[in-house]
Amino acid sequence: MVQPPKSPIALEDRASEQGRLYSPSAARNRDAIAEVLARVLPTGASVLEIGSGTGEHAVAACQLRPDLSWQPSDPDAASRDSQAAWAGEVGGAILAPLEIDLLRPQTLVAIDGFDALVCMNVIHIAPWAVAEALASLAQDRLRPGGHLVLYGPYLLGDETAPSNLAFDASLKSRNPEWGVRPLDAVRALLASHGLVLVERVDMPANNLMLIFQRREPE
């Protein structure tokens, strides 16, 4: 049996300076993402970010919304160190990062309820089981009315951008368990866990921000 190649931590080279990692893609999209988050997240929201990477998205969001309490996380130690190094940019808004791996349930034990769950550029560079675990986490740990916010590329049937089709093929060549996810599949998965898509925001470079809300069963 052929084993899939080992997954890298990131799809890009990340520069480092004084413990801080710099992501070229984050530099391009962090401001646009932060603007949507600033509008969507309620006042004083407690936010759990899954797969926080360098930590630059958390900084951008909290610079616009210093009232937030932002909990970064990542399974990668170097990424967590970077998140901690970046946190000083916004005082105490960003908490000490947690080691969270959605495929290791034992890393989720200490997580309390949150008003928002944010996950950016993760589910296409991970097995589908990660998306399923994220849906379960949102169902179990989001407070009623809370939001799950996703960012990344999606397959939109005949409307899919050629660049996203090419990206999908590239990802699958790296690891057959990866791939740009069909929006309909993501929406159906989350609906089965009590999360309803309430807003879709078109973003630069053919990405989307998807805002889901946790609804109580009727």
C-alpha atoms as a PDB file:
ATOM      1  CA  MET A   1       0.000   0.000   0.000  1.00  0.00           C
ATOM      2  CA  VAL A   2       1.386   3.398  -0.996  1.00  0.00           C
ATOM      3  CA  GLN A   3       1.466   5.829   1.889  1.00  0.00           C
ATOM      4  CA  PRO A   4       0.506   9.464   1.194  1.00  0.00           C
ATOM      5  CA  PRO A   5       3.377  11.930   1.495  1.00  0.00           C
ATOM      6  CA  LYS A   6       3.950  13.527   4.864  1.00  0.00           C
ATOM      7  CA  SER A   7       2.000  16.753   5.167  1.00  0.00           C
ATOM      8  CA  PRO A   8       4.012  19.957   5.494  1.00  0.00           C
ATOM      9  CA  ILE A   9       3.148  22.497   8.172  1.00  0.00           C
ATOM     10  CA  ALA A  10       2.462  25.169   5.538  1.00  0.00           C
ATOM     11  CA  LEU A  11       2.254  25.400   1.751  1.00  0.00           C
ATOM     12  CA  GLU A  12       4.633  28.376   1.644  1.00  0.00           C
ATOM     13  CA  ASP A  13       7.989  29.452   3.003  1.00  0.00           C
ATOM     14  CA  ARG A  14       7.580  31.491   6.178  1.00  0.00           C
ATOM     15  CA  ALA A  15      10.190  34.064   7.147  1.00  0.00           C
ATOM     16  CA  SER A  16      11.172  34.292  10.819  1.00  0.00           C
ATOM     17  CA  GLU A  17      12.295  37.214  12.959  1.00  0.00           C
ATOM     18  CA  GLN A  18      12.601  37.261  16.762  1.00  0.00           C
ATOM     19  CA  GLY A  19      10.320  34.264  17.111  1.00  0.00           C
ATOM     20  CA  ARG A  20       7.669  35.652  14.768  1.00  0.00           C
ATOM     21  CA  LEU A  21       6.827  33.821  11.582  1.00  0.00           C
ATOM     22  CA  TYR A  22       5.676  35.815   8.560  1.00  0.00           C
ATOM     23  CA  SER A  23       3.234  34.323   6.072  1.00  0.00           C
ATOM     24  CA  PRO A  24       3.134  35.797   2.552  1.00  0.00           C
ATOM     25  CA  SER A  25      -0.489  34.715   2.112  1.00  0.00           C
ATOM     26  CA  ALA A  26      -1.493  36.206   5.473  1.00  0.00           C
ATOM     27  CA  ALA A  27       0.089  39.494   4.459  1.00  0.00           C
ATOM     28  CA  ARG A  28      -2.164  39.522   1.393  1.00  0.00           C
ATOM     29  CA  ASN A  29      -5.456  38.604   3.035  1.00  0.00           C
ATOM     30  CA  ARG A  30      -5.310  39.452   6.750  1.00  0.00           C
ATOM     31  CA  ASP A  31      -6.771  42.954   6.472  1.00  0.00           C
ATOM     32  CA  ALA A  32      -9.740  41.831   4.377  1.00  0.00           C
ATOM     33  CA  ILE A  33     -10.387  38.931   6.747  1.00  0.00           C
ATOM     34  CA  ALA A  34     -10.087  41.154   9.826  1.00  0.00           C
ATOM     35  CA  GLU A  35     -12.649  43.591   8.431  1.00  0.00           C
ATOM     36  CA  VAL A  36     -15.239  40.835   8.043  1.00  0.00           C
ATOM     37  CA  LEU A  37     -14.500  39.430  11.492  1.00  0.00           C
ATOM     38  CA  ALA A  38     -14.750  42.888  13.059  1.00  0.00           C
ATOM     39  CA  ARG A  39     -18.218  43.261  11.595  1.00  0.00           C
ATOM     40  CA  VAL A  40     -19.487  39.768  12.368  1.00  0.00           C
ATOM     41  CA  LEU A  41     -18.196  39.043  15.877  1.00  0.00           C
ATOM     42  CA  PRO A  42     -20.313  40.296  18.789  1.00  0.00           C
ATOM     43  CA  THR A  43     -18.970  42.757  21.351  1.00  0.00           C
ATOM     44  CA  GLY A  44     -16.649  41.119  23.859  1.00  0.00           C
ATOM     45  CA  ALA A  45     -16.753  37.774  22.047  1.00  0.00           C
ATOM     46  CA  SER A  46     -14.579  34.893  23.163  1.00  0.00           C
ATOM     47  CA  VAL A  47     -13.029  33.409  20.023  1.00  0.00           C
ATOM     48  CA  LEU A  48     -11.319  30.060  19.489  1.00  0.00           C
ATOM     49  CA  GLU A  49      -9.191  29.874  16.348  1.00  0.00           C
ATOM     50  CA  ILE A  50      -8.302  26.446  15.000  1.00  0.00           C
ATOM     51  CA  GLY A  51      -5.063  26.243  13.015  1.00  0.00           C
ATOM     52  CA  SER A  52      -3.837  29.762  13.805  1.00  0.00           C
ATOM     53  CA  GLY A  53      -0.592  29.382  11.841  1.00  0.00           C
ATOM     54  CA  THR A  54       1.755  32.321  12.307  1.00  0.00           C
ATOM     55  CA  GLY A  55      -0.739  34.251  14.453  1.00  0.00           C
ATOM     56  CA  GLU A  56      -0.942  37.221  12.096  1.00  0.00           C
ATOM     57  CA  HIS A  57      -4.670  36.867  11.468  1.00  0.00           C
ATOM     58  CA  ALA A  58      -5.379  37.016  15.197  1.00  0.00           C
ATOM     59  CA  VAL A  59      -3.325  40.208  15.516  1.00  0.00           C
ATOM     60  CA  ALA A  60      -5.102  41.884  12.598  1.00  0.00           C
ATOM     61  CA  ALA A  61      -8.520  40.985  13.998  1.00  0.00           C
ATOM     62  CA  CYS A  62      -7.732  42.148  17.527  1.00  0.00           C
ATOM     63  CA  GLN A  63      -6.190  45.403  16.316  1.00  0.00           C
ATOM     64  CA  LEU A  64      -9.586  46.273  14.855  1.00  0.00           C
ATOM     65  CA  ARG A  65     -11.487  44.750  17.781  1.00  0.00           C
ATOM     66  CA  PRO A  66      -9.465  44.990  21.021  1.00  0.00           C
ATOM     67  CA  ASP A  67     -12.588  43.955  22.967  1.00  0.00           C
ATOM     68  CA  LEU A  68     -12.181  40.354  21.747  1.00  0.00           C
ATOM     69  CA  SER A  69     -10.707  37.525  23.789  1.00  0.00           C
ATOM     70  CA  TRP A  70      -8.869  35.454  21.179  1.00  0.00           C
ATOM     71  CA  GLN A  71      -7.659  31.928  21.848  1.00  0.00           C
ATOM     72  CA  PRO A  72      -5.170  30.794  19.162  1.00  0.00           C
ATOM     73  CA  SER A  73      -4.201  27.167  18.670  1.00  0.00           C
ATOM     74  CA  ASP A  74      -2.142  24.927  16.439  1.00  0.00           C
ATOM     75  CA  PRO A  75      -0.724  21.395  16.534  1.00  0.00           C
ATOM     76  CA  ASP A  76       2.668  22.776  15.399  1.00  0.00           C
ATOM     77  CA  ALA A  77       5.006  24.013  18.151  1.00  0.00           C
ATOM     78  CA  ALA A  78       6.844  26.558  15.965  1.00  0.00           C
ATOM     79  CA  SER A  79       3.509  28.077  14.948  1.00  0.00           C
ATOM     80  CA  ARG A  80       2.421  28.338  18.581  1.00  0.00           C
ATOM     81  CA  ASP A  81       5.693  30.060  19.457  1.00  0.00           C
ATOM     82  CA  SER A  82       5.039  32.556  16.672  1.00  0.00           C
ATOM     83  CA  GLN A  83       1.493  33.180  17.915  1.00  0.00           C
ATOM     84  CA  ALA A  84       2.834  33.905  21.388  1.00  0.00           C
ATOM     85  CA  ALA A  85       5.459  36.260  19.967  1.00  0.00           C
ATOM     86  CA  TRP A  86       2.882  38.169  17.916  1.00  0.00           C
ATOM     87  CA  ALA A  87       0.427  38.425  20.838  1.00  0.00           C
ATOM     88  CA  GLY A  88       2.299  41.343  22.402  1.00  0.00           C
ATOM     89  CA  GLU A  89       1.083  43.560  19.548  1.00  0.00           C
ATOM     90  CA  VAL A  90      -2.414  43.719  21.050  1.00  0.00           C
ATOM     91  CA  GLY A  91      -1.941  43.651  24.812  1.00  0.00           C
ATOM     92  CA  GLY A  92      -3.969  40.919  26.475  1.00  0.00           C
ATOM     93  CA  ALA A  93      -6.515  40.318  23.719  1.00  0.00           C
ATOM     94  CA  ILE A  94      -4.681  37.211  22.489  1.00  0.00           C
ATOM     95  CA  LEU A  95      -4.314  34.381  25.000  1.00  0.00           C
ATOM     96  CA  ALA A  96      -1.477  31.878  25.292  1.00  0.00           C
ATOM     97  CA  PRO A  97      -1.793  29.437  22.374  1.00  0.00           C
ATOM     98  CA  LEU A  98      -3.090  25.920  22.881  1.00  0.00           C
ATOM     99  CA  GLU A  99      -1.902  22.710  21.286  1.00  0.00           C
ATOM    100  CA  ILE A 100      -5.057  21.537  19.546  1.00  0.00           C
ATOM    101  CA  ASP A 101      -5.210  18.767  16.967  1.00  0.00           C
ATOM    102  CA  LEU A 102      -8.774  18.045  15.861  1.00  0.00           C
ATOM    103  CA  LEU A 103      -7.857  14.430  15.143  1.00  0.00           C
ATOM    104  CA  ARG A 104      -6.621  13.945  18.724  1.00  0.00           C
ATOM    105  CA  PRO A 105      -9.694  14.328  20.968  1.00  0.00           C
ATOM    106  CA  GLN A 106      -7.549  14.427  24.098  1.00  0.00           C
ATOM    107  CA  THR A 107      -6.296  17.890  23.060  1.00  0.00           C
ATOM    108  CA  LEU A 108      -9.868  19.248  23.226  1.00  0.00           C
ATOM    109  CA  VAL A 109     -10.605  18.337  26.844  1.00  0.00           C
ATOM    110  CA  ALA A 110      -9.812  21.735  28.399  1.00  0.00           C
ATOM    111  CA  ILE A 111     -11.778  23.821  25.877  1.00  0.00           C
ATOM    112  CA  ASP A 112     -14.731  25.731  27.333  1.00  0.00           C
ATOM    113  CA  GLY A 113     -17.644  27.295  25.472  1.00  0.00           C
ATOM    114  CA  PHE A 114     -16.928  30.031  22.947  1.00  0.00           C
ATOM    115  CA  ASP A 115     -18.955  32.719  21.209  1.00  0.00           C
ATOM    116  CA  ALA A 116     -17.140  32.154  17.922  1.00  0.00           C
ATOM    117  CA  LEU A 117     -15.017  29.499  16.281  1.00  0.00           C
ATOM    118  CA  VAL A 118     -12.710  30.653  13.472  1.00  0.00           C
ATOM    119  CA  CYS A 119     -10.859  28.389  11.043  1.00  0.00           C
ATOM    120  CA  MET A 120      -8.959  29.771   8.059  1.00  0.00           C
ATOM    121  CA  ASN A 121      -7.190  27.910   5.268  1.00  0.00           C
ATOM    122  CA  VAL A 122      -7.332  24.561   7.034  1.00  0.00           C
ATOM    123  CA  ILE A 123      -9.904  22.109   5.708  1.00  0.00           C
ATOM    124  CA  HIS A 124      -8.442  21.937   2.192  1.00  0.00           C
ATOM    125  CA  ILE A 125      -4.969  20.960   3.478  1.00  0.00           C
ATOM    126  CA  ALA A 126      -6.272  18.279   5.840  1.00  0.00           C
ATOM    127  CA  PRO A 127      -8.258  15.054   5.575  1.00  0.00           C
ATOM    128  CA  TRP A 128     -12.052  15.405   5.437  1.00  0.00           C
ATOM    129  CA  ALA A 129     -12.050  13.949   8.956  1.00  0.00           C
ATOM    130  CA  VAL A 130     -10.736  17.327  10.142  1.00  0.00           C
ATOM    131  CA  ALA A 131     -13.807  19.081   8.729  1.00  0.00           C
ATOM    132  CA  GLU A 132     -15.990  16.501  10.462  1.00  0.00           C
ATOM    133  CA  ALA A 133     -14.172  17.056  13.758  1.00  0.00           C
ATOM    134  CA  LEU A 134     -14.522  20.820  13.353  1.00  0.00           C
ATOM    135  CA  ALA A 135     -18.270  20.422  12.857  1.00  0.00           C
ATOM    136  CA  SER A 136     -18.515  18.326  16.024  1.00  0.00           C
ATOM    137  CA  LEU A 137     -16.451  20.852  17.971  1.00  0.00           C
ATOM    138  CA  ALA A 138     -18.728  23.675  16.850  1.00  0.00           C
ATOM    139  CA  GLN A 139     -21.811  21.705  17.808  1.00  0.00           C
ATOM    140  CA  ASP A 140     -20.417  20.835  21.231  1.00  0.00           C
ATOM    141  CA  ARG A 141     -18.511  23.974  22.274  1.00  0.00           C
ATOM    142  CA  LEU A 142     -20.138  26.927  20.508  1.00  0.00           C
ATOM    143  CA  ARG A 143     -22.650  28.732  22.673  1.00  0.00           C
ATOM    144  CA  PRO A 144     -26.199  28.907  21.268  1.00  0.00           C
ATOM    145  CA  GLY A 145     -26.295  31.630  18.639  1.00  0.00           C
ATOM    146  CA  GLY A 146     -22.506  31.497  18.282  1.00  0.00           C
ATOM    147  CA  HIS A 147     -20.766  31.648  14.928  1.00  0.00           C
ATOM    148  CA  LEU A 148     -18.401  29.397  13.039  1.00  0.00           C
ATOM    149  CA  VAL A 149     -16.391  31.394  10.497  1.00  0.00           C
ATOM    150  CA  LEU A 150     -14.495  29.631   7.714  1.00  0.00           C
ATOM    151  CA  TYR A 151     -12.146  31.159   5.151  1.00  0.00           C
ATOM    152  CA  GLY A 152     -10.605  29.596   2.087  1.00  0.00           C
ATOM    153  CA  PRO A 153     -11.252  28.346  -1.456  1.00  0.00           C
ATOM    154  CA  TYR A 154     -14.298  26.229  -2.326  1.00  0.00           C
ATOM    155  CA  LEU A 155     -15.619  24.318  -5.293  1.00  0.00           C
ATOM    156  CA  LEU A 156     -18.788  25.949  -6.616  1.00  0.00           C
ATOM    157  CA  GLY A 157     -19.788  23.567  -9.397  1.00  0.00           C
ATOM    158  CA  ASP A 158     -19.849  25.242 -12.795  1.00  0.00           C
ATOM    159  CA  GLU A 159     -19.002  28.567 -11.119  1.00  0.00           C
ATOM    160  CA  THR A 160     -15.668  27.347  -9.711  1.00  0.00           C
ATOM    161  CA  ALA A 161     -12.776  29.609 -10.660  1.00  0.00           C
ATOM    162  CA  PRO A 162     -10.151  27.901 -12.875  1.00  0.00           C
ATOM    163  CA  SER A 163      -7.478  28.827 -10.323  1.00  0.00           C
ATOM    164  CA  ASN A 164      -9.330  26.874  -7.631  1.00  0.00           C
ATOM    165  CA  LEU A 165      -9.665  23.845  -9.906  1.00  0.00           C
ATOM    166  CA  ALA A 166      -5.922  23.971 -10.520  1.00  0.00           C
ATOM    167  CA  PHE A 167      -5.273  24.388  -6.797  1.00  0.00           C
ATOM    168  CA  ASP A 168      -7.489  21.394  -6.065  1.00  0.00           C
ATOM    169  CA  ALA A 169      -5.495  19.241  -8.478  1.00  0.00           C
ATOM    170  CA  SER A 170      -2.216  20.453  -6.975  1.00  0.00           C
ATOM    171  CA  LEU A 171      -3.347  19.645  -3.440  1.00  0.00           C
ATOM    172  CA  LYS A 172      -4.491  16.157  -4.380  1.00  0.00           C
ATOM    173  CA  SER A 173      -1.148  15.497  -6.062  1.00  0.00           C
ATOM    174  CA  ARG A 174       0.550  16.297  -2.749  1.00  0.00           C
ATOM    175  CA  ASN A 175      -1.828  14.253  -0.629  1.00  0.00           C
ATOM    176  CA  PRO A 176      -4.892  12.405  -1.940  1.00  0.00           C
ATOM    177  CA  GLU A 177      -6.785  13.199   1.269  1.00  0.00           C
ATOM    178  CA  TRP A 178      -6.508  16.936   0.621  1.00  0.00           C
ATOM    179  CA  GLY A 179      -8.468  19.076  -1.797  1.00  0.00           C
ATOM    180  CA  VAL A 180     -10.580  22.185  -2.224  1.00  0.00           C
ATOM    181  CA  ARG A 181     -13.905  21.230  -0.662  1.00  0.00           C
ATOM    182  CA  PRO A 182     -17.266  21.540  -2.412  1.00  0.00           C
ATOM    183  CA  LEU A 183     -19.272  24.284  -0.759  1.00  0.00           C
ATOM    184  CA  ASP A 184     -22.394  22.099  -0.850  1.00  0.00           C
ATOM    185  CA  ALA A 185     -20.593  19.324   1.056  1.00  0.00           C
ATOM    186  CA  VAL A 186     -19.328  21.719   3.727  1.00  0.00           C
ATOM    187  CA  ARG A 187     -22.737  23.289   4.100  1.00  0.00           C
ATOM    188  CA  ALA A 188     -24.449  19.882   4.417  1.00  0.00           C
ATOM    189  CA  LEU A 189     -21.908  18.655   6.971  1.00  0.00           C
ATOM    190  CA  LEU A 190     -22.381  21.678   9.190  1.00  0.00           C
ATOM    191  CA  ALA A 191     -26.167  21.626   8.814  1.00  0.00           C
ATOM    192  CA  SER A 192     -26.116  18.070  10.171  1.00  0.00           C
ATOM    193  CA  HIS A 193     -24.438  19.506  13.285  1.00  0.00           C
ATOM    194  CA  GLY A 194     -26.932  22.312  13.843  1.00  0.00           C
ATOM    195  CA  LEU A 195     -25.028  25.058  12.017  1.00  0.00           C
ATOM    196  CA  VAL A 196     -26.792  27.175   9.397  1.00  0.00           C
ATOM    197  CA  LEU A 197     -25.030  29.264   6.742  1.00  0.00           C
ATOM    198  CA  VAL A 198     -26.165  32.837   7.383  1.00  0.00           C
ATOM    199  CA  GLU A 199     -23.713  34.776   5.201  1.00  0.00           C
ATOM    200  CA  ARG A 200     -21.311  34.190   2.327  1.00  0.00           C
ATOM    201  CA  VAL A 201     -18.720  36.866   1.621  1.00  0.00           C
ATOM    202  CA  ASP A 202     -16.715  36.919  -1.610  1.00  0.00           C
ATOM    203  CA  MET A 203     -13.052  37.590  -0.845  1.00  0.00           C
ATOM    204  CA  PRO A 204      -9.954  38.360  -2.950  1.00  0.00           C
ATOM    205  CA  ALA A 205      -8.284  35.621  -5.021  1.00  0.00           C
ATOM    206  CA  ASN A 206     -11.501  33.583  -5.372  1.00  0.00           C
ATOM    207  CA  ASN A 207     -11.761  32.789  -1.659  1.00  0.00           C
ATOM    208  CA  LEU A 208     -14.874  32.906   0.492  1.00  0.00           C
ATOM    209  CA  MET A 209     -15.706  33.674   4.091  1.00  0.00           C
ATOM    210  CA  LEU A 210     -18.580  31.541   5.296  1.00  0.00           C
ATOM    211  CA  ILE A 211     -20.441  32.531   8.451  1.00  0.00           C
ATOM    212  CA  PHE A 212     -22.462  29.773  10.096  1.00  0.00           C
ATOM    213  CA  GLN A 213     -24.609  30.146  13.197  1.00  0.00           C
ATOM    214  CA  ARG A 214     -25.380  27.502  15.767  1.00  0.00           C
ATOM    215  CA  ARG A 215     -29.119  26.999  16.040  1.00  0.00           C
ATOM    216  CA  GLU A 216     -30.914  25.075  18.745  1.00  0.00           C
ATOM    217  CA  PRO A 217     -33.073  22.151  17.542  1.00  0.00           C
ATOM    218  CA  GLU A 218     -36.711  23.140  17.127  1.00  0.00           C
END
